[in-house]
Amino acid sequence: MRGNVIETVMGAVVLVVAALFLFFAYTTSQLRSVPGYQLTANFEHIDGIRDGSDVRVSGIKVGSVLGLTLDPKTFLATVTMSVEPSVKLPDDSVAEIVSSGLLGDKYLSLVPGGSDKDIPPNGRIKFTQSSVSIEHLIGQMMFSPPSGGGKKPGEGESGAPGGAVPAPGDAQAPPK
């Protein structure tokens, strides 16, 4: 009988600690959407971006992605985002889709421009840079021709035998 009471108390302690951990994790994470004004931006590729993704300026979360749609006329992806009211972006700002690491999550990075005019609420960011696909980059590297320009073995950077680089103005003797 005494063993059952100790097991019950220990189980309750474990549940309380787990609940505190979940509460701490939720309150310190930035999973909540950010209230603010809406902006849109058009991209060719939005690989890795989804509803709720972060919108950051200089690495600091200032908003979140609200929706993703396809423009039926241009076939560009339209990203709708919410940005904190305290962040006023110049109208020449750039929206980029970047990764937080080699295999990390992707987010929308806003790079402020230098214009005196701000983007109004419900405005559009004109300048965008689409997502870079790691698979596409690896494919390009694998199937691209080797760099070297067709030099023969034993030729240096200039194409001269032995790697000799002629001085400017020096004439090379024709081969014999």
N, C-alpha and C. Protein backbone atom coordinates (compact mmCIF):
# COMPACT_ATOMS: atom_id res chain seq x y z
N MET A 1 0.82 -1.20 0.00
CA MET A 1 0.00 0.00 0.00
C MET A 1 0.86 1.26 0.00
N ARG A 2 1.93 1.21 0.80
CA ARG A 2 2.80 2.37 0.90
C ARG A 2 3.51 2.64 -0.43
N GLY A 3 3.85 1.58 -1.18
CA GLY A 3 4.52 1.72 -2.48
C GLY A 3 3.65 2.42 -3.49
N ASN A 4 2.34 2.18 -3.46
CA ASN A 4 1.43 2.81 -4.39
C ASN A 4 1.35 4.32 -4.17
N VAL A 5 1.39 4.76 -2.93
CA VAL A 5 1.31 6.19 -2.61
C VAL A 5 2.58 6.89 -3.12
N ILE A 6 3.74 6.30 -2.90
CA ILE A 6 5.00 6.90 -3.36
C ILE A 6 5.02 6.97 -4.89
N GLU A 7 4.58 5.92 -5.56
CA GLU A 7 4.54 5.93 -7.02
C GLU A 7 3.58 6.99 -7.55
N THR A 8 2.46 7.15 -6.91
CA THR A 8 1.48 8.17 -7.31
C THR A 8 2.05 9.57 -7.13
N VAL A 9 2.69 9.83 -6.01
CA VAL A 9 3.29 11.16 -5.76
C VAL A 9 4.39 11.43 -6.78
N MET A 10 5.24 10.46 -7.06
CA MET A 10 6.33 10.64 -8.04
C MET A 10 5.76 10.89 -9.44
N GLY A 11 4.70 10.19 -9.80
CA GLY A 11 4.05 10.42 -11.09
C GLY A 11 3.49 11.83 -11.19
N ALA A 12 2.87 12.31 -10.09
CA ALA A 12 2.33 13.67 -10.08
C ALA A 12 3.46 14.71 -10.21
N VAL A 13 4.59 14.48 -9.54
CA VAL A 13 5.73 15.40 -9.64
C VAL A 13 6.25 15.44 -11.07
N VAL A 14 6.36 14.28 -11.72
CA VAL A 14 6.82 14.23 -13.11
C VAL A 14 5.86 15.00 -14.02
N LEU A 15 4.56 14.83 -13.83
CA LEU A 15 3.57 15.55 -14.64
C LEU A 15 3.65 17.06 -14.43
N VAL A 16 3.85 17.51 -13.19
CA VAL A 16 3.97 18.95 -12.90
C VAL A 16 5.23 19.51 -13.57
N VAL A 17 6.35 18.79 -13.47
CA VAL A 17 7.59 19.25 -14.10
C VAL A 17 7.42 19.31 -15.62
N ALA A 18 6.77 18.33 -16.21
CA ALA A 18 6.53 18.33 -17.65
C ALA A 18 5.64 19.51 -18.05
N ALA A 19 4.61 19.80 -17.27
CA ALA A 19 3.72 20.93 -17.56
C ALA A 19 4.49 22.24 -17.47
N LEU A 20 5.34 22.40 -16.46
CA LEU A 20 6.15 23.61 -16.33
C LEU A 20 7.11 23.76 -17.51
N PHE A 21 7.70 22.66 -17.94
CA PHE A 21 8.60 22.70 -19.09
C PHE A 21 7.86 23.15 -20.35
N LEU A 22 6.68 22.59 -20.60
CA LEU A 22 5.89 22.98 -21.78
C LEU A 22 5.49 24.45 -21.71
N PHE A 23 5.08 24.92 -20.53
CA PHE A 23 4.72 26.32 -20.37
C PHE A 23 5.92 27.22 -20.66
N PHE A 24 7.08 26.88 -20.12
CA PHE A 24 8.30 27.66 -20.35
C PHE A 24 8.67 27.66 -21.83
N ALA A 25 8.60 26.50 -22.48
CA ALA A 25 8.94 26.41 -23.89
C ALA A 25 8.00 27.25 -24.75
N TYR A 26 6.72 27.24 -24.44
CA TYR A 26 5.76 28.01 -25.22
C TYR A 26 5.94 29.51 -25.03
N THR A 27 6.17 29.94 -23.79
CA THR A 27 6.29 31.38 -23.54
C THR A 27 7.59 31.96 -24.08
N THR A 28 8.65 31.16 -24.17
CA THR A 28 9.91 31.70 -24.69
C THR A 28 10.05 31.52 -26.19
N SER A 29 9.23 30.68 -26.80
CA SER A 29 9.31 30.51 -28.26
C SER A 29 8.59 31.67 -28.93
N GLN A 30 8.89 31.82 -30.22
CA GLN A 30 8.25 32.88 -30.99
C GLN A 30 7.29 32.27 -32.01
N LEU A 31 6.45 31.37 -31.52
CA LEU A 31 5.51 30.68 -32.41
C LEU A 31 4.23 31.47 -32.63
N ARG A 32 4.04 32.50 -31.88
CA ARG A 32 2.81 33.26 -32.00
C ARG A 32 2.86 34.17 -33.23
N SER A 33 1.70 34.41 -33.82
CA SER A 33 1.66 35.36 -34.92
C SER A 33 1.79 36.77 -34.36
N VAL A 34 2.34 37.65 -35.17
CA VAL A 34 2.60 39.02 -34.73
C VAL A 34 1.52 39.92 -35.30
N PRO A 35 0.77 40.62 -34.44
CA PRO A 35 -0.24 41.55 -34.96
C PRO A 35 0.44 42.77 -35.57
N GLY A 36 -0.13 43.31 -36.62
CA GLY A 36 0.45 44.48 -37.26
C GLY A 36 -0.20 44.73 -38.60
N TYR A 37 0.50 45.49 -39.43
CA TYR A 37 -0.05 45.80 -40.75
C TYR A 37 0.41 44.75 -41.76
N GLN A 38 -0.40 44.58 -42.81
CA GLN A 38 -0.13 43.53 -43.80
C GLN A 38 0.65 44.09 -44.99
N LEU A 39 1.54 43.24 -45.51
CA LEU A 39 2.29 43.53 -46.73
C LEU A 39 2.26 42.28 -47.60
N THR A 40 2.48 42.46 -48.90
CA THR A 40 2.59 41.32 -49.80
C THR A 40 3.88 41.43 -50.59
N ALA A 41 4.35 40.30 -51.08
CA ALA A 41 5.53 40.24 -51.94
C ALA A 41 5.38 39.05 -52.87
N ASN A 42 5.86 39.18 -54.10
CA ASN A 42 5.79 38.11 -55.09
C ASN A 42 7.16 37.48 -55.28
N PHE A 43 7.18 36.14 -55.33
CA PHE A 43 8.41 35.39 -55.48
C PHE A 43 8.26 34.35 -56.58
N GLU A 44 9.38 33.98 -57.21
CA GLU A 44 9.37 32.88 -58.18
C GLU A 44 9.31 31.54 -57.46
N HIS A 45 10.06 31.40 -56.36
CA HIS A 45 10.09 30.16 -55.58
C HIS A 45 9.98 30.52 -54.11
N ILE A 46 9.15 29.78 -53.38
CA ILE A 46 9.04 30.01 -51.94
C ILE A 46 9.27 28.72 -51.17
N ASP A 47 10.17 27.88 -51.68
CA ASP A 47 10.46 26.60 -51.04
C ASP A 47 10.83 26.80 -49.58
N GLY A 48 10.15 26.09 -48.68
CA GLY A 48 10.47 26.13 -47.26
C GLY A 48 9.68 27.15 -46.46
N ILE A 49 8.96 28.05 -47.11
CA ILE A 49 8.15 29.05 -46.40
C ILE A 49 6.74 28.49 -46.27
N ARG A 50 6.12 28.71 -45.12
CA ARG A 50 4.75 28.24 -44.89
C ARG A 50 4.02 29.25 -44.00
N ASP A 51 2.73 29.07 -43.84
CA ASP A 51 1.96 29.93 -42.93
C ASP A 51 2.59 29.87 -41.54
N GLY A 52 2.81 31.01 -40.95
CA GLY A 52 3.39 31.07 -39.61
C GLY A 52 4.90 31.23 -39.60
N SER A 53 5.57 31.15 -40.77
CA SER A 53 7.02 31.35 -40.81
C SER A 53 7.37 32.75 -40.32
N ASP A 54 8.58 32.89 -39.79
CA ASP A 54 9.02 34.17 -39.26
C ASP A 54 9.29 35.17 -40.38
N VAL A 55 9.06 36.44 -40.06
CA VAL A 55 9.51 37.56 -40.87
C VAL A 55 10.49 38.32 -39.98
N ARG A 56 11.73 38.47 -40.46
CA ARG A 56 12.78 39.05 -39.62
C ARG A 56 13.46 40.23 -40.32
N VAL A 57 13.90 41.17 -39.49
CA VAL A 57 14.75 42.27 -39.93
C VAL A 57 16.00 42.18 -39.07
N SER A 58 17.16 42.05 -39.70
CA SER A 58 18.44 41.91 -39.00
C SER A 58 18.42 40.74 -38.01
N GLY A 59 17.70 39.69 -38.33
CA GLY A 59 17.65 38.51 -37.48
C GLY A 59 16.64 38.56 -36.35
N ILE A 60 15.93 39.67 -36.21
CA ILE A 60 14.95 39.83 -35.13
C ILE A 60 13.55 39.67 -35.72
N LYS A 61 12.74 38.83 -35.07
CA LYS A 61 11.39 38.59 -35.55
C LYS A 61 10.54 39.85 -35.40
N VAL A 62 10.00 40.30 -36.53
CA VAL A 62 9.14 41.48 -36.53
C VAL A 62 7.78 41.18 -37.14
N GLY A 63 7.55 39.93 -37.50
CA GLY A 63 6.29 39.58 -38.12
C GLY A 63 6.20 38.10 -38.41
N SER A 64 5.14 37.73 -39.11
CA SER A 64 4.95 36.34 -39.49
C SER A 64 4.20 36.27 -40.81
N VAL A 65 4.38 35.14 -41.49
CA VAL A 65 3.70 34.91 -42.77
C VAL A 65 2.26 34.52 -42.49
N LEU A 66 1.33 35.19 -43.15
CA LEU A 66 -0.09 34.93 -42.95
C LEU A 66 -0.68 34.00 -43.99
N GLY A 67 -0.18 34.09 -45.22
CA GLY A 67 -0.76 33.27 -46.27
C GLY A 67 0.12 33.19 -47.50
N LEU A 68 -0.08 32.11 -48.27
CA LEU A 68 0.64 31.88 -49.51
C LEU A 68 -0.38 31.58 -50.60
N THR A 69 -0.29 32.29 -51.70
CA THR A 69 -1.21 32.06 -52.81
C THR A 69 -0.42 32.12 -54.12
N LEU A 70 -1.06 31.62 -55.18
CA LEU A 70 -0.47 31.66 -56.51
C LEU A 70 -1.22 32.67 -57.36
N ASP A 71 -0.48 33.61 -57.95
CA ASP A 71 -1.09 34.60 -58.84
C ASP A 71 -1.39 33.89 -60.17
N PRO A 72 -2.67 33.77 -60.56
CA PRO A 72 -3.02 33.00 -61.76
C PRO A 72 -2.55 33.66 -63.07
N LYS A 73 -2.24 34.95 -63.06
CA LYS A 73 -1.80 35.62 -64.28
C LYS A 73 -0.29 35.50 -64.48
N THR A 74 0.47 35.71 -63.43
CA THR A 74 1.94 35.70 -63.55
C THR A 74 2.58 34.40 -63.10
N PHE A 75 1.79 33.55 -62.44
CA PHE A 75 2.27 32.29 -61.87
C PHE A 75 3.40 32.51 -60.85
N LEU A 76 3.36 33.64 -60.18
CA LEU A 76 4.29 33.92 -59.10
C LEU A 76 3.60 33.62 -57.77
N ALA A 77 4.38 33.22 -56.79
CA ALA A 77 3.84 32.97 -55.46
C ALA A 77 3.71 34.31 -54.74
N THR A 78 2.55 34.55 -54.17
CA THR A 78 2.31 35.78 -53.41
C THR A 78 2.31 35.43 -51.93
N VAL A 79 3.18 36.10 -51.20
CA VAL A 79 3.30 35.90 -49.75
C VAL A 79 2.67 37.09 -49.05
N THR A 80 1.71 36.81 -48.18
CA THR A 80 1.10 37.86 -47.37
C THR A 80 1.67 37.73 -45.96
N MET A 81 2.15 38.85 -45.44
CA MET A 81 2.79 38.84 -44.13
C MET A 81 2.25 39.95 -43.25
N SER A 82 2.43 39.77 -41.96
CA SER A 82 2.07 40.79 -40.98
C SER A 82 3.37 41.30 -40.36
N VAL A 83 3.49 42.63 -40.27
CA VAL A 83 4.69 43.27 -39.72
C VAL A 83 4.28 44.18 -38.58
N GLU A 84 5.07 44.16 -37.49
CA GLU A 84 4.77 45.00 -36.33
C GLU A 84 4.58 46.46 -36.74
N PRO A 85 3.62 47.16 -36.13
CA PRO A 85 3.36 48.56 -36.49
C PRO A 85 4.56 49.47 -36.22
N SER A 86 5.43 49.11 -35.30
CA SER A 86 6.57 49.98 -34.98
C SER A 86 7.66 49.91 -36.05
N VAL A 87 7.60 48.91 -36.94
CA VAL A 87 8.61 48.74 -37.99
C VAL A 87 8.07 49.38 -39.27
N LYS A 88 8.67 50.48 -39.65
CA LYS A 88 8.29 51.18 -40.88
C LYS A 88 9.36 50.92 -41.93
N LEU A 89 8.99 50.19 -42.98
CA LEU A 89 9.94 49.79 -44.01
C LEU A 89 9.94 50.78 -45.17
N PRO A 90 11.13 51.20 -45.64
CA PRO A 90 11.20 52.06 -46.83
C PRO A 90 10.66 51.32 -48.05
N ASP A 91 10.17 52.06 -49.04
CA ASP A 91 9.54 51.42 -50.19
C ASP A 91 10.53 50.73 -51.13
N ASP A 92 11.83 50.88 -50.90
CA ASP A 92 12.80 50.16 -51.71
C ASP A 92 13.43 48.99 -50.94
N SER A 93 12.72 48.50 -49.93
CA SER A 93 13.19 47.37 -49.14
C SER A 93 13.15 46.09 -49.98
N VAL A 94 13.95 45.10 -49.57
CA VAL A 94 14.04 43.83 -50.28
C VAL A 94 13.55 42.72 -49.36
N ALA A 95 12.75 41.82 -49.89
CA ALA A 95 12.29 40.63 -49.16
C ALA A 95 13.05 39.43 -49.71
N GLU A 96 13.73 38.67 -48.83
CA GLU A 96 14.51 37.52 -49.23
C GLU A 96 14.06 36.30 -48.46
N ILE A 97 14.09 35.15 -49.09
CA ILE A 97 13.83 33.90 -48.39
C ILE A 97 15.19 33.29 -48.10
N VAL A 98 15.52 33.17 -46.82
CA VAL A 98 16.83 32.67 -46.41
C VAL A 98 16.66 31.54 -45.41
N SER A 99 17.72 30.80 -45.21
CA SER A 99 17.73 29.68 -44.29
C SER A 99 18.49 30.05 -43.04
N SER A 100 18.05 29.52 -41.90
CA SER A 100 18.73 29.82 -40.65
C SER A 100 19.95 28.93 -40.44
N GLY A 101 20.27 28.08 -41.39
CA GLY A 101 21.44 27.22 -41.34
C GLY A 101 21.45 26.34 -42.57
N LEU A 102 22.42 25.45 -42.66
CA LEU A 102 22.52 24.60 -43.84
C LEU A 102 21.27 23.75 -44.02
N LEU A 103 20.79 23.16 -42.94
CA LEU A 103 19.56 22.36 -43.00
C LEU A 103 18.46 22.96 -42.14
N GLY A 104 18.61 24.21 -41.76
CA GLY A 104 17.66 24.85 -40.86
C GLY A 104 16.38 25.29 -41.54
N ASP A 105 15.50 25.81 -40.73
CA ASP A 105 14.22 26.30 -41.20
C ASP A 105 14.41 27.57 -42.02
N LYS A 106 13.53 27.82 -42.97
CA LYS A 106 13.62 29.03 -43.78
C LYS A 106 12.68 30.09 -43.23
N TYR A 107 13.06 31.34 -43.44
CA TYR A 107 12.24 32.46 -42.99
C TYR A 107 12.34 33.58 -44.01
N LEU A 108 11.50 34.58 -43.85
CA LEU A 108 11.47 35.73 -44.75
C LEU A 108 12.27 36.85 -44.10
N SER A 109 13.33 37.27 -44.77
CA SER A 109 14.18 38.33 -44.25
C SER A 109 13.88 39.62 -45.01
N LEU A 110 13.65 40.69 -44.28
CA LEU A 110 13.41 42.00 -44.88
C LEU A 110 14.65 42.85 -44.71
N VAL A 111 15.17 43.34 -45.83
CA VAL A 111 16.36 44.21 -45.81
C VAL A 111 15.89 45.62 -46.14
N PRO A 112 15.89 46.53 -45.15
CA PRO A 112 15.41 47.89 -45.38
C PRO A 112 16.27 48.63 -46.40
N GLY A 113 15.62 49.42 -47.21
CA GLY A 113 16.31 50.24 -48.21
C GLY A 113 16.64 51.61 -47.63
N GLY A 114 16.94 52.54 -48.50
CA GLY A 114 17.33 53.87 -48.06
C GLY A 114 16.37 54.97 -48.47
N SER A 115 15.20 54.61 -48.97
CA SER A 115 14.24 55.60 -49.43
C SER A 115 13.61 56.36 -48.26
N ASP A 116 13.13 57.56 -48.56
CA ASP A 116 12.44 58.37 -47.55
C ASP A 116 10.97 57.99 -47.44
N LYS A 117 10.42 57.34 -48.47
CA LYS A 117 9.01 56.94 -48.45
C LYS A 117 8.88 55.54 -47.86
N ASP A 118 7.86 55.33 -47.03
CA ASP A 118 7.61 54.03 -46.41
C ASP A 118 6.57 53.26 -47.21
N ILE A 119 6.59 51.93 -47.06
CA ILE A 119 5.56 51.09 -47.66
C ILE A 119 4.29 51.26 -46.82
N PRO A 120 3.17 51.61 -47.44
CA PRO A 120 1.94 51.79 -46.66
C PRO A 120 1.36 50.45 -46.25
N PRO A 121 0.49 50.43 -45.24
CA PRO A 121 -0.22 49.19 -44.89
C PRO A 121 -0.95 48.65 -46.13
N ASN A 122 -0.98 47.33 -46.26
CA ASN A 122 -1.54 46.63 -47.42
C ASN A 122 -0.77 46.91 -48.70
N GLY A 123 0.47 47.39 -48.55
CA GLY A 123 1.33 47.67 -49.70
C GLY A 123 2.05 46.42 -50.16
N ARG A 124 2.89 46.62 -51.18
CA ARG A 124 3.61 45.49 -51.77
C ARG A 124 5.11 45.80 -51.77
N ILE A 125 5.90 44.79 -51.43
CA ILE A 125 7.35 44.90 -51.51
C ILE A 125 7.74 44.55 -52.94
N LYS A 126 8.37 45.50 -53.65
CA LYS A 126 8.65 45.32 -55.08
C LYS A 126 9.85 44.43 -55.34
N PHE A 127 10.86 44.52 -54.49
CA PHE A 127 12.11 43.81 -54.74
C PHE A 127 12.18 42.54 -53.88
N THR A 128 12.34 41.40 -54.55
CA THR A 128 12.37 40.12 -53.83
C THR A 128 13.52 39.26 -54.33
N GLN A 129 13.95 38.34 -53.48
CA GLN A 129 14.93 37.33 -53.86
C GLN A 129 14.39 35.99 -53.42
N SER A 130 14.20 35.10 -54.39
CA SER A 130 13.57 33.82 -54.11
C SER A 130 14.46 32.88 -53.33
N SER A 131 13.85 31.82 -52.88
CA SER A 131 14.53 30.77 -52.13
C SER A 131 15.57 30.08 -53.00
N VAL A 132 16.71 29.71 -52.39
CA VAL A 132 17.74 28.96 -53.08
C VAL A 132 17.61 27.50 -52.66
N SER A 133 17.47 26.62 -53.65
CA SER A 133 17.31 25.20 -53.37
C SER A 133 18.67 24.53 -53.28
N ILE A 134 18.94 23.89 -52.16
CA ILE A 134 20.22 23.19 -51.98
C ILE A 134 20.35 22.05 -52.98
N GLU A 135 19.24 21.41 -53.32
CA GLU A 135 19.27 20.32 -54.29
C GLU A 135 19.66 20.85 -55.67
N HIS A 136 19.15 22.02 -56.03
CA HIS A 136 19.48 22.64 -57.32
C HIS A 136 20.96 23.00 -57.37
N LEU A 137 21.50 23.55 -56.30
CA LEU A 137 22.91 23.91 -56.26
C LEU A 137 23.81 22.68 -56.38
N ILE A 138 23.45 21.60 -55.69
CA ILE A 138 24.23 20.37 -55.77
C ILE A 138 24.18 19.81 -57.18
N GLY A 139 23.02 19.85 -57.80
CA GLY A 139 22.87 19.37 -59.18
C GLY A 139 23.72 20.18 -60.15
N GLN A 140 23.76 21.50 -59.98
CA GLN A 140 24.59 22.34 -60.84
C GLN A 140 26.06 22.00 -60.66
N MET A 141 26.47 21.77 -59.42
CA MET A 141 27.87 21.47 -59.15
C MET A 141 28.25 20.11 -59.74
N MET A 142 27.35 19.15 -59.66
CA MET A 142 27.65 17.81 -60.15
C MET A 142 27.72 17.74 -61.68
N PHE A 143 26.85 18.48 -62.36
CA PHE A 143 26.74 18.35 -63.80
C PHE A 143 27.37 19.51 -64.57
N SER A 144 28.05 20.42 -63.91
CA SER A 144 28.72 21.51 -64.61
C SER A 144 30.09 21.02 -65.07
N PRO A 145 30.58 21.55 -66.20
CA PRO A 145 31.90 21.12 -66.68
C PRO A 145 32.99 21.58 -65.71
N PRO A 146 34.08 20.82 -65.63
CA PRO A 146 35.14 21.23 -64.70
C PRO A 146 35.76 22.54 -65.15
N SER A 147 36.07 23.40 -64.18
CA SER A 147 36.69 24.67 -64.51
C SER A 147 38.17 24.43 -64.73
N GLY A 148 38.75 25.12 -65.64
CA GLY A 148 40.16 24.97 -65.94
C GLY A 148 40.45 25.47 -67.34
N GLY A 149 39.39 25.62 -68.12
CA GLY A 149 39.55 26.24 -69.42
C GLY A 149 40.31 25.39 -70.43
N GLY A 150 40.42 24.10 -70.23
CA GLY A 150 41.06 23.24 -71.22
C GLY A 150 42.57 23.38 -71.26
N LYS A 151 43.20 23.69 -70.16
CA LYS A 151 44.66 23.80 -70.12
C LYS A 151 45.28 22.42 -70.20
N LYS A 152 46.44 22.36 -70.78
CA LYS A 152 47.18 21.11 -70.87
C LYS A 152 47.92 20.88 -69.57
N PRO A 153 48.20 19.62 -69.23
CA PRO A 153 48.97 19.36 -68.02
C PRO A 153 50.33 20.05 -68.08
N GLY A 154 50.77 20.63 -66.98
CA GLY A 154 52.05 21.32 -66.92
C GLY A 154 51.95 22.80 -67.19
N GLU A 155 50.79 23.28 -67.62
CA GLU A 155 50.61 24.70 -67.85
C GLU A 155 50.13 25.37 -66.58
N GLY A 156 50.57 26.57 -66.35
CA GLY A 156 50.19 27.32 -65.16
C GLY A 156 48.93 28.12 -65.41
N GLU A 157 48.70 29.11 -64.55
CA GLU A 157 47.51 29.93 -64.63
C GLU A 157 47.43 30.71 -65.93
N SER A 158 48.58 31.13 -66.48
CA SER A 158 48.56 31.95 -67.68
C SER A 158 48.50 31.12 -68.94
N GLY A 159 48.64 29.79 -68.82
CA GLY A 159 48.69 28.95 -69.99
C GLY A 159 50.11 28.78 -70.49
N ALA A 160 51.06 29.47 -69.87
CA ALA A 160 52.46 29.37 -70.27
C ALA A 160 53.05 28.11 -69.67
N PRO A 161 53.99 27.48 -70.36
CA PRO A 161 54.61 26.26 -69.81
C PRO A 161 55.27 26.53 -68.47
N GLY A 162 55.11 25.57 -67.56
CA GLY A 162 55.76 25.66 -66.25
C GLY A 162 55.13 26.67 -65.33
N GLY A 163 54.05 27.29 -65.73
CA GLY A 163 53.37 28.24 -64.85
C GLY A 163 54.00 29.62 -64.86
N ALA A 164 54.91 29.89 -65.78
CA ALA A 164 55.55 31.21 -65.83
C ALA A 164 54.54 32.23 -66.32
N VAL A 165 54.53 33.35 -65.67
CA VAL A 165 53.63 34.43 -66.04
C VAL A 165 54.47 35.52 -66.67
N PRO A 166 54.27 35.82 -67.97
CA PRO A 166 55.08 36.86 -68.60
C PRO A 166 54.77 38.23 -68.00
N ALA A 167 55.77 39.05 -67.93
CA ALA A 167 55.60 40.40 -67.42
C ALA A 167 54.85 41.22 -68.45
N PRO A 168 54.11 42.23 -68.02
CA PRO A 168 53.39 43.06 -68.99
C PRO A 168 54.36 43.71 -69.97
N GLY A 169 54.02 43.65 -71.22
CA GLY A 169 54.86 44.26 -72.24
C GLY A 169 55.90 43.29 -72.80
N ASP A 170 56.17 42.18 -72.15
CA ASP A 170 57.13 41.21 -72.66
C ASP A 170 56.48 40.43 -73.79
N ALA A 171 57.19 40.28 -74.85
CA ALA A 171 56.69 39.49 -75.98
C ALA A 171 57.15 38.06 -75.80
N GLN A 172 56.27 37.14 -76.08
CA GLN A 172 56.64 35.74 -76.00
C GLN A 172 57.19 35.30 -77.35
N ALA A 173 58.21 34.49 -77.29
CA ALA A 173 58.76 33.96 -78.53
C ALA A 173 57.82 32.90 -79.05
N PRO A 174 57.65 32.85 -80.38
CA PRO A 174 56.77 31.82 -80.94
C PRO A 174 57.37 30.44 -80.72
N PRO A 175 56.54 29.43 -80.55
CA PRO A 175 57.06 28.08 -80.33
C PRO A 175 57.85 27.59 -81.55
N LYS A 176 58.86 26.77 -81.30
CA LYS A 176 59.71 26.25 -82.39
C LYS A 176 59.29 24.89 -82.79
